[in-house]
Amino acid sequence: MALISILTPYRNAEKYIRETALSILAQTHTDWEWILVNDHSIENELEAIADLLNDPRIKLLENSGKGIVDALCTAFEHSSGEYITRMDADDVMPDFKLAEFAKFFENGKSQIVTGKVTYFSQTESISSGYLAYEKWLNERIDNQDFLAHIYRECSVASANWMMRKSDLENCGGFDGLRYPEDYDLLFRWYEAGYSIKGLDLVTHLWRDHDLRTSKTSENYQQKAFFSLKVNRFIELDWDPDLQLIVNGTGQKGRLTAKILLEKNVSFVWVSHEAEKFTRGVFGHPIVGLNGLSNCYQAQILNTTLLPELELKAFYGKVISKIYFYQL
């Protein structure tokens, strides 16, 4: 039975950490170590699980830096497992999670395994936004197309994956990850050419509550996501020899354009309502389809809800080959 290292930074999670701990202790795969890293919490998490800490598989550490990236680095540095997974201190794992993930690596050739997710809350109804994200994530499992949608959203849940420690080391581990760190880690896997396999099982129960970091930290707001995804596009997929088009002038389009302008990346900004923007935006002109010159190839960053096939038909009138990226 292979040793699995479970990495858990925690900060102000006293209310929920016991349920998390009990779900780990209930795992049918028993060869694990749970590395808990205190990220400057002002609550008493260890008191909440004091009667469980005599289990020698639980390791307690203090964050050598500050923030979740440093905490993950601290945990990873002290890990001994052949496999690495991450767990948030307010979530719950089904008792078969580690066993199913470990079983995959007996024959699976992909570098990362993940599963489906379900949001839950004991105090409030789940927001429509979170339910939509749950549905979208689980569709990635059904379609096995995680990396095809990488510029739209983080297509692997932050605490719902496992990989070999050696593969995580080879792609840089957690060192220097930008926020949102789970999304940037996905881009590291993408850059390394890793493949991802999704199991048709709910392997993670994601707790929704008002104090979730994704709701309270600026590191997880839309501006941070767009800064990361647009910068990663520039680094990994942008071809300066092709025409770059930003489609859409809404909030997402403006965030995208602003970053490209700051990076001095040349682009054509297209709107289906170009006549409304006679003065442009940010000093950059807005054009309609008739403002595009015929070209053979172009990269399109779509910041609207218009579907890919519809946009390809629209732009196909003047562009022969389109590389499409949904933001």
C-alpha atoms as a PDB file:
ATOM      1  CA  MET A   1       0.000   0.000   0.000  1.00  0.00           C
ATOM      2  CA  ALA A   2       1.581   3.275  -1.157  1.00  0.00           C
ATOM      3  CA  LEU A   3       2.056   6.161   1.270  1.00  0.00           C
ATOM      4  CA  ILE A   4      -0.045   9.208   0.407  1.00  0.00           C
ATOM      5  CA  SER A   5       0.839  12.655   1.764  1.00  0.00           C
ATOM      6  CA  ILE A   6      -2.199  14.872   2.393  1.00  0.00           C
ATOM      7  CA  LEU A   7      -1.233  18.565   2.503  1.00  0.00           C
ATOM      8  CA  THR A   8      -3.523  20.886   4.468  1.00  0.00           C
ATOM      9  CA  PRO A   9      -2.763  24.538   5.192  1.00  0.00           C
ATOM     10  CA  TYR A  10      -5.210  25.908   7.733  1.00  0.00           C
ATOM     11  CA  ARG A  11      -6.199  29.352   8.907  1.00  0.00           C
ATOM     12  CA  ASN A  12      -9.247  30.163  11.017  1.00  0.00           C
ATOM     13  CA  ALA A  13     -10.897  26.790  10.380  1.00  0.00           C
ATOM     14  CA  GLU A  14     -11.716  25.786  13.953  1.00  0.00           C
ATOM     15  CA  LYS A  15     -15.421  25.424  13.214  1.00  0.00           C
ATOM     16  CA  TYR A  16     -14.971  22.814  10.494  1.00  0.00           C
ATOM     17  CA  ILE A  17     -11.611  21.086  10.891  1.00  0.00           C
ATOM     18  CA  ARG A  18     -12.884  18.265  13.086  1.00  0.00           C
ATOM     19  CA  GLU A  19     -15.253  17.033  10.385  1.00  0.00           C
ATOM     20  CA  THR A  20     -12.379  17.207   7.911  1.00  0.00           C
ATOM     21  CA  ALA A  21     -10.143  15.216  10.264  1.00  0.00           C
ATOM     22  CA  LEU A  22     -12.753  12.525  10.845  1.00  0.00           C
ATOM     23  CA  SER A  23     -13.223  12.075   7.103  1.00  0.00           C
ATOM     24  CA  ILE A  24      -9.481  11.506   6.699  1.00  0.00           C
ATOM     25  CA  LEU A  25      -9.322   9.079   9.607  1.00  0.00           C
ATOM     26  CA  ALA A  26     -12.177   7.117   8.018  1.00  0.00           C
ATOM     27  CA  GLN A  27     -10.293   6.466   4.758  1.00  0.00           C
ATOM     28  CA  THR A  28     -10.241   2.832   3.644  1.00  0.00           C
ATOM     29  CA  HIS A  29      -6.714   3.426   2.336  1.00  0.00           C
ATOM     30  CA  THR A  30      -4.890   3.701   5.646  1.00  0.00           C
ATOM     31  CA  ASP A  31      -1.306   4.328   4.549  1.00  0.00           C
ATOM     32  CA  TRP A  32      -1.301   8.119   4.644  1.00  0.00           C
ATOM     33  CA  GLU A  33       0.244  11.058   6.445  1.00  0.00           C
ATOM     34  CA  TRP A  34      -1.733  14.219   7.093  1.00  0.00           C
ATOM     35  CA  ILE A  35       0.508  17.278   7.159  1.00  0.00           C
ATOM     36  CA  LEU A  36      -1.252  20.206   8.823  1.00  0.00           C
ATOM     37  CA  VAL A  37       0.400  23.603   8.408  1.00  0.00           C
ATOM     38  CA  ASN A  38      -0.734  26.500  10.583  1.00  0.00           C
ATOM     39  CA  ASP A  39      -0.896  29.564   8.333  1.00  0.00           C
ATOM     40  CA  HIS A  40      -0.987  32.132  11.168  1.00  0.00           C
ATOM     41  CA  SER A  41      -4.455  31.161  12.375  1.00  0.00           C
ATOM     42  CA  ILE A  42      -5.960  33.093  15.284  1.00  0.00           C
ATOM     43  CA  GLU A  43      -8.336  30.244  16.142  1.00  0.00           C
ATOM     44  CA  ASN A  44      -7.858  27.019  18.103  1.00  0.00           C
ATOM     45  CA  GLU A  45      -7.996  24.317  15.455  1.00  0.00           C
ATOM     46  CA  LEU A  46      -5.750  21.926  17.358  1.00  0.00           C
ATOM     47  CA  GLU A  47      -8.018  22.064  20.384  1.00  0.00           C
ATOM     48  CA  ALA A  48     -10.912  21.053  18.159  1.00  0.00           C
ATOM     49  CA  ILE A  49      -9.070  17.863  17.168  1.00  0.00           C
ATOM     50  CA  ALA A  50      -6.955  17.375  20.310  1.00  0.00           C
ATOM     51  CA  ASP A  51      -8.257  13.853  20.962  1.00  0.00           C
ATOM     52  CA  LEU A  52      -7.239  12.795  17.441  1.00  0.00           C
ATOM     53  CA  LEU A  53      -3.661  14.045  17.496  1.00  0.00           C
ATOM     54  CA  ASN A  54      -2.265  10.898  19.099  1.00  0.00           C
ATOM     55  CA  ASP A  55      -2.479   9.285  15.658  1.00  0.00           C
ATOM     56  CA  PRO A  56       1.178   9.149  14.495  1.00  0.00           C
ATOM     57  CA  ARG A  57       0.114   9.753  10.895  1.00  0.00           C
ATOM     58  CA  ILE A  58      -0.767  13.366  11.706  1.00  0.00           C
ATOM     59  CA  LYS A  59       2.096  15.884  11.458  1.00  0.00           C
ATOM     60  CA  LEU A  60       1.843  19.443  12.764  1.00  0.00           C
ATOM     61  CA  LEU A  61       3.888  22.282  11.266  1.00  0.00           C
ATOM     62  CA  GLU A  62       4.039  26.073  11.311  1.00  0.00           C
ATOM     63  CA  ASN A  63       4.126  28.010   8.060  1.00  0.00           C
ATOM     64  CA  SER A  64       7.702  29.110   7.446  1.00  0.00           C
ATOM     65  CA  GLY A  65       6.359  32.037   5.396  1.00  0.00           C
ATOM     66  CA  LYS A  66       2.943  33.616   5.005  1.00  0.00           C
ATOM     67  CA  GLY A  67      -0.020  32.627   2.882  1.00  0.00           C
ATOM     68  CA  ILE A  68      -1.261  29.417   1.349  1.00  0.00           C
ATOM     69  CA  VAL A  69       1.543  29.060  -1.218  1.00  0.00           C
ATOM     70  CA  ASP A  70       4.238  29.190   1.468  1.00  0.00           C
ATOM     71  CA  ALA A  71       2.164  26.811   3.602  1.00  0.00           C
ATOM     72  CA  LEU A  72       1.907  24.323   0.735  1.00  0.00           C
ATOM     73  CA  CYS A  73       5.657  24.597   0.151  1.00  0.00           C
ATOM     74  CA  THR A  74       6.267  23.913   3.851  1.00  0.00           C
ATOM     75  CA  ALA A  75       4.006  20.861   3.783  1.00  0.00           C
ATOM     76  CA  PHE A  76       5.517  19.529   0.555  1.00  0.00           C
ATOM     77  CA  GLU A  77       9.051  19.940   1.893  1.00  0.00           C
ATOM     78  CA  HIS A  78       8.171  17.696   4.847  1.00  0.00           C
ATOM     79  CA  SER A  79       6.179  15.116   2.870  1.00  0.00           C
ATOM     80  CA  SER A  80       7.317  11.503   2.634  1.00  0.00           C
ATOM     81  CA  GLY A  81       4.628   9.966   0.438  1.00  0.00           C
ATOM     82  CA  GLU A  82       4.960   8.475  -3.006  1.00  0.00           C
ATOM     83  CA  TYR A  83       1.787  10.366  -3.879  1.00  0.00           C
ATOM     84  CA  ILE A  84       0.654  13.895  -3.046  1.00  0.00           C
ATOM     85  CA  THR A  85      -2.839  15.250  -2.590  1.00  0.00           C
ATOM     86  CA  ARG A  86      -4.227  18.417  -1.097  1.00  0.00           C
ATOM     87  CA  MET A  87      -7.105  18.861   1.346  1.00  0.00           C
ATOM     88  CA  ASP A  88      -8.746  22.026   2.620  1.00  0.00           C
ATOM     89  CA  ALA A  89      -9.400  22.278   6.347  1.00  0.00           C
ATOM     90  CA  ASP A  90     -13.129  22.888   5.920  1.00  0.00           C
ATOM     91  CA  ASP A  91     -14.022  20.193   3.378  1.00  0.00           C
ATOM     92  CA  VAL A  92     -14.853  16.489   3.572  1.00  0.00           C
ATOM     93  CA  MET A  93     -13.558  13.504   1.613  1.00  0.00           C
ATOM     94  CA  PRO A  94     -15.619  10.332   1.052  1.00  0.00           C
ATOM     95  CA  ASP A  95     -14.038   7.312   2.745  1.00  0.00           C
ATOM     96  CA  PHE A  96     -13.054   5.774  -0.617  1.00  0.00           C
ATOM     97  CA  LYS A  97     -11.279   8.839  -2.042  1.00  0.00           C
ATOM     98  CA  LEU A  98      -7.659   7.931  -1.324  1.00  0.00           C
ATOM     99  CA  ALA A  99      -8.228   4.278  -2.228  1.00  0.00           C
ATOM    100  CA  GLU A 100      -9.769   5.118  -5.605  1.00  0.00           C
ATOM    101  CA  PHE A 101      -7.079   7.653  -6.444  1.00  0.00           C
ATOM    102  CA  ALA A 102      -4.289   5.251  -5.445  1.00  0.00           C
ATOM    103  CA  LYS A 103      -5.927   2.413  -7.389  1.00  0.00           C
ATOM    104  CA  PHE A 104      -5.841   4.525 -10.537  1.00  0.00           C
ATOM    105  CA  PHE A 105      -2.051   4.733 -10.446  1.00  0.00           C
ATOM    106  CA  GLU A 106      -1.700   0.942 -10.474  1.00  0.00           C
ATOM    107  CA  ASN A 107      -2.415   1.016 -14.218  1.00  0.00           C
ATOM    108  CA  GLY A 108      -3.227   4.612 -15.140  1.00  0.00           C
ATOM    109  CA  LYS A 109      -0.783   6.434 -17.383  1.00  0.00           C
ATOM    110  CA  SER A 110      -1.925  10.002 -16.689  1.00  0.00           C
ATOM    111  CA  GLN A 111       0.090  12.158 -14.298  1.00  0.00           C
ATOM    112  CA  ILE A 112      -2.946  13.508 -12.403  1.00  0.00           C
ATOM    113  CA  VAL A 113      -6.176  11.871 -11.287  1.00  0.00           C
ATOM    114  CA  THR A 114      -9.242  13.782 -10.145  1.00  0.00           C
ATOM    115  CA  GLY A 115     -12.952  13.168  -9.575  1.00  0.00           C
ATOM    116  CA  LYS A 116     -16.314  14.862  -9.347  1.00  0.00           C
ATOM    117  CA  VAL A 117     -17.301  17.365  -6.668  1.00  0.00           C
ATOM    118  CA  THR A 118     -20.419  18.245  -4.717  1.00  0.00           C
ATOM    119  CA  TYR A 119     -20.939  21.495  -2.839  1.00  0.00           C
ATOM    120  CA  PHE A 120     -22.675  21.303   0.515  1.00  0.00           C
ATOM    121  CA  SER A 121     -23.636  23.677   3.295  1.00  0.00           C
ATOM    122  CA  GLN A 122     -25.105  23.039   6.727  1.00  0.00           C
ATOM    123  CA  THR A 123     -26.203  26.640   7.243  1.00  0.00           C
ATOM    124  CA  GLU A 124     -27.287  28.150   3.929  1.00  0.00           C
ATOM    125  CA  SER A 125     -28.367  27.346   0.402  1.00  0.00           C
ATOM    126  CA  ILE A 126     -25.672  26.937  -2.227  1.00  0.00           C
ATOM    127  CA  SER A 127     -25.340  29.969  -4.496  1.00  0.00           C
ATOM    128  CA  SER A 128     -26.252  29.598  -8.157  1.00  0.00           C
ATOM    129  CA  GLY A 129     -22.685  30.519  -9.118  1.00  0.00           C
ATOM    130  CA  TYR A 130     -21.184  27.669  -7.118  1.00  0.00           C
ATOM    131  CA  LEU A 131     -23.776  25.210  -8.439  1.00  0.00           C
ATOM    132  CA  ALA A 132     -22.942  26.279 -11.999  1.00  0.00           C
ATOM    133  CA  TYR A 133     -19.227  25.769 -11.327  1.00  0.00           C
ATOM    134  CA  GLU A 134     -19.918  22.335  -9.796  1.00  0.00           C
ATOM    135  CA  LYS A 135     -21.865  21.353 -12.921  1.00  0.00           C
ATOM    136  CA  TRP A 136     -19.129  22.692 -15.205  1.00  0.00           C
ATOM    137  CA  LEU A 137     -16.362  20.869 -13.298  1.00  0.00           C
ATOM    138  CA  ASN A 138     -18.259  17.599 -13.413  1.00  0.00           C
ATOM    139  CA  GLU A 139     -18.834  18.012 -17.152  1.00  0.00           C
ATOM    140  CA  ARG A 140     -15.059  18.063 -17.536  1.00  0.00           C
ATOM    141  CA  ILE A 141     -15.028  14.600 -15.951  1.00  0.00           C
ATOM    142  CA  ASP A 142     -17.755  13.394 -18.310  1.00  0.00           C
ATOM    143  CA  ASN A 143     -15.928  14.763 -21.356  1.00  0.00           C
ATOM    144  CA  GLN A 144     -12.325  14.237 -20.159  1.00  0.00           C
ATOM    145  CA  ASP A 145     -11.414  17.632 -21.630  1.00  0.00           C
ATOM    146  CA  PHE A 146      -9.789  19.461 -18.701  1.00  0.00           C
ATOM    147  CA  LEU A 147      -7.038  21.265 -20.592  1.00  0.00           C
ATOM    148  CA  ALA A 148      -9.211  22.207 -23.557  1.00  0.00           C
ATOM    149  CA  HIS A 149     -11.005  24.627 -21.227  1.00  0.00           C
ATOM    150  CA  ILE A 150      -8.021  25.821 -19.220  1.00  0.00           C
ATOM    151  CA  TYR A 151      -8.416  29.508 -20.107  1.00  0.00           C
ATOM    152  CA  ARG A 152     -12.072  29.585 -19.097  1.00  0.00           C
ATOM    153  CA  GLU A 153     -11.830  28.347 -15.498  1.00  0.00           C
ATOM    154  CA  CYS A 154      -9.703  26.195 -13.232  1.00  0.00           C
ATOM    155  CA  SER A 155     -10.903  22.807 -14.499  1.00  0.00           C
ATOM    156  CA  VAL A 156      -9.607  20.707 -11.577  1.00  0.00           C
ATOM    157  CA  ALA A 157     -10.912  21.397  -8.068  1.00  0.00           C
ATOM    158  CA  SER A 158      -8.172  22.708  -5.781  1.00  0.00           C
ATOM    159  CA  ALA A 159      -8.329  19.874  -3.227  1.00  0.00           C
ATOM    160  CA  ASN A 160      -9.499  17.054  -5.468  1.00  0.00           C
ATOM    161  CA  TRP A 161      -6.469  15.623  -7.221  1.00  0.00           C
ATOM    162  CA  MET A 162      -3.558  13.260  -6.671  1.00  0.00           C
ATOM    163  CA  MET A 163      -0.237  12.849  -8.440  1.00  0.00           C
ATOM    164  CA  ARG A 164       3.131  11.248  -7.954  1.00  0.00           C
ATOM    165  CA  LYS A 165       5.473  13.298  -5.819  1.00  0.00           C
ATOM    166  CA  SER A 166       8.157  12.968  -8.489  1.00  0.00           C
ATOM    167  CA  ASP A 167       5.871  14.460 -11.154  1.00  0.00           C
ATOM    168  CA  LEU A 168       4.974  17.369  -8.886  1.00  0.00           C
ATOM    169  CA  GLU A 169       8.666  17.998  -8.232  1.00  0.00           C
ATOM    170  CA  ASN A 170       9.443  17.852 -11.952  1.00  0.00           C
ATOM    171  CA  CYS A 171       6.963  20.627 -12.775  1.00  0.00           C
ATOM    172  CA  GLY A 172       8.219  22.913  -9.987  1.00  0.00           C
ATOM    173  CA  GLY A 173       6.033  21.904  -7.059  1.00  0.00           C
ATOM    174  CA  PHE A 174       4.317  24.796  -5.340  1.00  0.00           C
ATOM    175  CA  ASP A 175       7.317  27.150  -5.394  1.00  0.00           C
ATOM    176  CA  GLY A 176       6.511  30.583  -6.775  1.00  0.00           C
ATOM    177  CA  LEU A 177       2.883  29.865  -7.641  1.00  0.00           C
ATOM    178  CA  ARG A 178       0.834  32.956  -8.394  1.00  0.00           C
ATOM    179  CA  TYR A 179      -2.653  33.434  -7.008  1.00  0.00           C
ATOM    180  CA  PRO A 180      -5.091  31.827  -7.497  1.00  0.00           C
ATOM    181  CA  GLU A 181      -2.529  29.123  -6.725  1.00  0.00           C
ATOM    182  CA  ASP A 182      -4.694  26.131  -7.669  1.00  0.00           C
ATOM    183  CA  TYR A 183      -5.253  27.635 -11.123  1.00  0.00           C
ATOM    184  CA  ASP A 184      -1.568  28.406 -11.596  1.00  0.00           C
ATOM    185  CA  LEU A 185      -0.702  24.819 -10.643  1.00  0.00           C
ATOM    186  CA  LEU A 186      -3.036  23.646 -13.401  1.00  0.00           C
ATOM    187  CA  PHE A 187      -1.122  25.846 -15.841  1.00  0.00           C
ATOM    188  CA  ARG A 188       2.131  24.214 -14.646  1.00  0.00           C
ATOM    189  CA  TRP A 189       0.676  20.807 -15.473  1.00  0.00           C
ATOM    190  CA  TYR A 190      -0.396  22.157 -18.863  1.00  0.00           C
ATOM    191  CA  GLU A 191       3.061  23.591 -19.528  1.00  0.00           C
ATOM    192  CA  ALA A 192       4.695  20.294 -18.530  1.00  0.00           C
ATOM    193  CA  GLY A 193       2.482  18.359 -20.938  1.00  0.00           C
ATOM    194  CA  TYR A 194       0.862  16.316 -18.184  1.00  0.00           C
ATOM    195  CA  SER A 195      -2.401  14.490 -18.794  1.00  0.00           C
ATOM    196  CA  ILE A 196      -5.355  14.384 -16.405  1.00  0.00           C
ATOM    197  CA  LYS A 197      -7.809  11.540 -15.867  1.00  0.00           C
ATOM    198  CA  GLY A 198     -11.175  12.074 -14.205  1.00  0.00           C
ATOM    199  CA  LEU A 199     -12.981   9.335 -12.278  1.00  0.00           C
ATOM    200  CA  ASP A 200     -16.761   9.153 -12.560  1.00  0.00           C
ATOM    201  CA  LEU A 201     -17.111   9.342  -8.777  1.00  0.00           C
ATOM    202  CA  VAL A 202     -17.783  12.186  -6.356  1.00  0.00           C
ATOM    203  CA  THR A 203     -14.445  12.273  -4.556  1.00  0.00           C
ATOM    204  CA  HIS A 204     -14.702  15.639  -2.828  1.00  0.00           C
ATOM    205  CA  LEU A 205     -17.360  17.387  -0.754  1.00  0.00           C
ATOM    206  CA  TRP A 206     -16.790  21.133  -0.982  1.00  0.00           C
ATOM    207  CA  ARG A 207     -18.195  23.160   1.881  1.00  0.00           C
ATOM    208  CA  ASP A 208     -19.800  26.496   1.030  1.00  0.00           C
ATOM    209  CA  HIS A 209     -19.787  29.114   3.787  1.00  0.00           C
ATOM    210  CA  ASP A 210     -19.393  32.876   4.060  1.00  0.00           C
ATOM    211  CA  LEU A 211     -15.780  32.710   5.259  1.00  0.00           C
ATOM    212  CA  ARG A 212     -14.450  30.633   2.358  1.00  0.00           C
ATOM    213  CA  THR A 213     -11.175  32.118   1.164  1.00  0.00           C
ATOM    214  CA  SER A 214     -12.555  32.217  -2.363  1.00  0.00           C
ATOM    215  CA  LYS A 215     -15.230  34.628  -1.114  1.00  0.00           C
ATOM    216  CA  THR A 216     -13.127  36.815   1.171  1.00  0.00           C
ATOM    217  CA  SER A 217      -9.674  37.140  -0.427  1.00  0.00           C
ATOM    218  CA  GLU A 218      -8.761  39.458  -3.301  1.00  0.00           C
ATOM    219  CA  ASN A 219      -6.482  36.656  -4.527  1.00  0.00           C
ATOM    220  CA  TYR A 220      -9.558  34.764  -5.717  1.00  0.00           C
ATOM    221  CA  GLN A 221     -11.630  37.537  -7.286  1.00  0.00           C
ATOM    222  CA  GLN A 222     -12.246  37.890 -11.017  1.00  0.00           C
ATOM    223  CA  LYS A 223      -9.439  40.421 -11.517  1.00  0.00           C
ATOM    224  CA  ALA A 224      -6.889  37.987 -10.083  1.00  0.00           C
ATOM    225  CA  PHE A 225      -8.159  35.151 -12.272  1.00  0.00           C
ATOM    226  CA  PHE A 226      -7.927  37.276 -15.408  1.00  0.00           C
ATOM    227  CA  SER A 227      -4.480  38.560 -14.545  1.00  0.00           C
ATOM    228  CA  LEU A 228      -3.296  34.975 -14.211  1.00  0.00           C
ATOM    229  CA  LYS A 229      -5.011  33.511 -17.263  1.00  0.00           C
ATOM    230  CA  VAL A 230      -4.090  36.347 -19.645  1.00  0.00           C
ATOM    231  CA  ASN A 231      -0.477  36.402 -18.484  1.00  0.00           C
ATOM    232  CA  ARG A 232      -0.320  32.623 -18.827  1.00  0.00           C
ATOM    233  CA  PHE A 233      -1.767  32.878 -22.336  1.00  0.00           C
ATOM    234  CA  ILE A 234       0.974  35.349 -23.255  1.00  0.00           C
ATOM    235  CA  GLU A 235       3.629  33.029 -21.809  1.00  0.00           C
ATOM    236  CA  LEU A 236       2.341  29.713 -23.132  1.00  0.00           C
ATOM    237  CA  ASP A 237       0.160  30.144 -26.219  1.00  0.00           C
ATOM    238  CA  TRP A 238       0.446  33.627 -27.681  1.00  0.00           C
ATOM    239  CA  ASP A 239       2.018  33.653 -31.137  1.00  0.00           C
ATOM    240  CA  PRO A 240       3.259  37.170 -31.991  1.00  0.00           C
ATOM    241  CA  ASP A 241       3.305  36.220 -35.676  1.00  0.00           C
ATOM    242  CA  LEU A 242      -0.479  35.797 -35.710  1.00  0.00           C
ATOM    243  CA  GLN A 243      -3.166  38.426 -35.428  1.00  0.00           C
ATOM    244  CA  LEU A 244      -4.583  38.519 -31.895  1.00  0.00           C
ATOM    245  CA  ILE A 245      -8.250  39.434 -31.475  1.00  0.00           C
ATOM    246  CA  VAL A 246     -10.079  40.237 -28.255  1.00  0.00           C
ATOM    247  CA  ASN A 247     -13.780  39.595 -28.754  1.00  0.00           C
ATOM    248  CA  GLY A 248     -16.073  41.560 -26.446  1.00  0.00           C
ATOM    249  CA  THR A 249     -16.033  44.846 -24.539  1.00  0.00           C
ATOM    250  CA  GLY A 250     -17.730  43.835 -21.280  1.00  0.00           C
ATOM    251  CA  GLN A 251     -15.966  43.569 -17.933  1.00  0.00           C
ATOM    252  CA  LYS A 252     -13.981  40.497 -18.979  1.00  0.00           C
ATOM    253  CA  GLY A 253     -13.031  42.075 -22.279  1.00  0.00           C
ATOM    254  CA  ARG A 254     -11.813  45.219 -20.550  1.00  0.00           C
ATOM    255  CA  LEU A 255      -9.785  43.261 -17.990  1.00  0.00           C
ATOM    256  CA  THR A 256      -8.192  41.315 -20.828  1.00  0.00           C
ATOM    257  CA  ALA A 257      -7.468  44.396 -22.941  1.00  0.00           C
ATOM    258  CA  LYS A 258      -5.971  46.289 -20.013  1.00  0.00           C
ATOM    259  CA  ILE A 259      -3.501  43.487 -19.280  1.00  0.00           C
ATOM    260  CA  LEU A 260      -2.520  43.168 -22.944  1.00  0.00           C
ATOM    261  CA  LEU A 261      -1.954  46.924 -23.156  1.00  0.00           C
ATOM    262  CA  GLU A 262       0.189  46.840 -20.007  1.00  0.00           C
ATOM    263  CA  LYS A 263       2.256  44.043 -21.578  1.00  0.00           C
ATOM    264  CA  ASN A 264       2.554  45.917 -24.890  1.00  0.00           C
ATOM    265  CA  VAL A 265       0.886  43.038 -26.718  1.00  0.00           C
ATOM    266  CA  SER A 266      -0.653  44.192 -29.988  1.00  0.00           C
ATOM    267  CA  PHE A 267      -4.276  43.159 -30.570  1.00  0.00           C
ATOM    268  CA  VAL A 268      -7.438  44.047 -32.455  1.00  0.00           C
ATOM    269  CA  TRP A 269     -10.440  44.695 -30.225  1.00  0.00           C
ATOM    270  CA  VAL A 270     -13.715  43.586 -31.803  1.00  0.00           C
ATOM    271  CA  SER A 271     -17.288  44.225 -30.725  1.00  0.00           C
ATOM    272  CA  HIS A 272     -20.586  43.293 -32.354  1.00  0.00           C
ATOM    273  CA  GLU A 273     -21.694  46.763 -31.236  1.00  0.00           C
ATOM    274  CA  ALA A 274     -18.641  48.691 -32.372  1.00  0.00           C
ATOM    275  CA  GLU A 275     -20.766  51.702 -33.305  1.00  0.00           C
ATOM    276  CA  LYS A 276     -21.235  52.392 -29.576  1.00  0.00           C
ATOM    277  CA  PHE A 277     -17.488  52.881 -29.071  1.00  0.00           C
ATOM    278  CA  THR A 278     -16.553  55.585 -31.545  1.00  0.00           C
ATOM    279  CA  ARG A 279     -13.916  56.888 -29.106  1.00  0.00           C
ATOM    280  CA  GLY A 280     -12.581  53.464 -28.214  1.00  0.00           C
ATOM    281  CA  VAL A 281     -11.775  52.204 -24.703  1.00  0.00           C
ATOM    282  CA  PHE A 282      -8.510  52.832 -22.821  1.00  0.00           C
ATOM    283  CA  GLY A 283      -7.404  54.786 -25.878  1.00  0.00           C
ATOM    284  CA  HIS A 284      -7.687  51.649 -28.023  1.00  0.00           C
ATOM    285  CA  PRO A 285     -10.035  51.542 -31.036  1.00  0.00           C
ATOM    286  CA  ILE A 286     -12.989  49.160 -31.132  1.00  0.00           C
ATOM    287  CA  VAL A 287     -13.899  47.722 -34.537  1.00  0.00           C
ATOM    288  CA  GLY A 288     -16.594  45.514 -36.019  1.00  0.00           C
ATOM    289  CA  LEU A 289     -16.057  42.650 -38.428  1.00  0.00           C
ATOM    290  CA  ASN A 290     -15.801  45.131 -41.289  1.00  0.00           C
ATOM    291  CA  GLY A 291     -12.831  46.675 -39.505  1.00  0.00           C
ATOM    292  CA  LEU A 292     -10.816  43.469 -39.801  1.00  0.00           C
ATOM    293  CA  SER A 293      -8.529  42.840 -42.711  1.00  0.00           C
ATOM    294  CA  ASN A 294      -8.511  39.411 -44.338  1.00  0.00           C
ATOM    295  CA  CYS A 295      -5.862  37.145 -42.855  1.00  0.00           C
ATOM    296  CA  TYR A 296      -4.951  33.480 -42.930  1.00  0.00           C
ATOM    297  CA  GLN A 297      -4.572  32.772 -39.206  1.00  0.00           C
ATOM    298  CA  ALA A 298      -5.619  34.496 -35.988  1.00  0.00           C
ATOM    299  CA  GLN A 299      -5.896  33.830 -32.281  1.00  0.00           C
ATOM    300  CA  ILE A 300      -9.205  34.875 -30.724  1.00  0.00           C
ATOM    301  CA  LEU A 301      -9.670  35.523 -27.013  1.00  0.00           C
ATOM    302  CA  ASN A 302     -13.426  35.320 -26.485  1.00  0.00           C
ATOM    303  CA  THR A 303     -14.647  37.201 -23.419  1.00  0.00           C
ATOM    304  CA  THR A 304     -18.361  36.855 -24.224  1.00  0.00           C
ATOM    305  CA  LEU A 305     -20.922  34.072 -23.807  1.00  0.00           C
ATOM    306  CA  LEU A 306     -21.284  33.576 -27.554  1.00  0.00           C
ATOM    307  CA  PRO A 307     -20.486  29.921 -28.399  1.00  0.00           C
ATOM    308  CA  GLU A 308     -17.358  28.908 -30.244  1.00  0.00           C
ATOM    309  CA  LEU A 309     -19.110  27.629 -33.378  1.00  0.00           C
ATOM    310  CA  GLU A 310     -21.092  30.845 -33.771  1.00  0.00           C
ATOM    311  CA  LEU A 311     -17.992  33.001 -33.392  1.00  0.00           C
ATOM    312  CA  LYS A 312     -15.961  30.862 -35.769  1.00  0.00           C
ATOM    313  CA  ALA A 313     -18.699  31.253 -38.372  1.00  0.00           C
ATOM    314  CA  PHE A 314     -18.674  35.019 -37.775  1.00  0.00           C
ATOM    315  CA  TYR A 315     -14.909  35.435 -38.011  1.00  0.00           C
ATOM    316  CA  GLY A 316     -14.528  32.773 -40.690  1.00  0.00           C
ATOM    317  CA  LYS A 317     -15.685  35.332 -43.238  1.00  0.00           C
ATOM    318  CA  VAL A 318     -12.309  37.065 -43.041  1.00  0.00           C
ATOM    319  CA  ILE A 319     -10.032  34.556 -41.257  1.00  0.00           C
ATOM    320  CA  SER A 320      -9.124  31.196 -42.758  1.00  0.00           C
ATOM    321  CA  LYS A 321      -7.765  29.441 -39.656  1.00  0.00           C
ATOM    322  CA  ILE A 322      -8.859  30.339 -36.128  1.00  0.00           C
ATOM    323  CA  TYR A 323      -7.256  29.405 -32.814  1.00  0.00           C
ATOM    324  CA  PHE A 324      -9.989  29.906 -30.238  1.00  0.00           C
ATOM    325  CA  TYR A 325      -9.552  30.560 -26.508  1.00  0.00           C
ATOM    326  CA  GLN A 326     -12.545  30.987 -24.211  1.00  0.00           C
ATOM    327  CA  LEU A 327     -11.818  33.303 -21.271  1.00  0.00           C
END
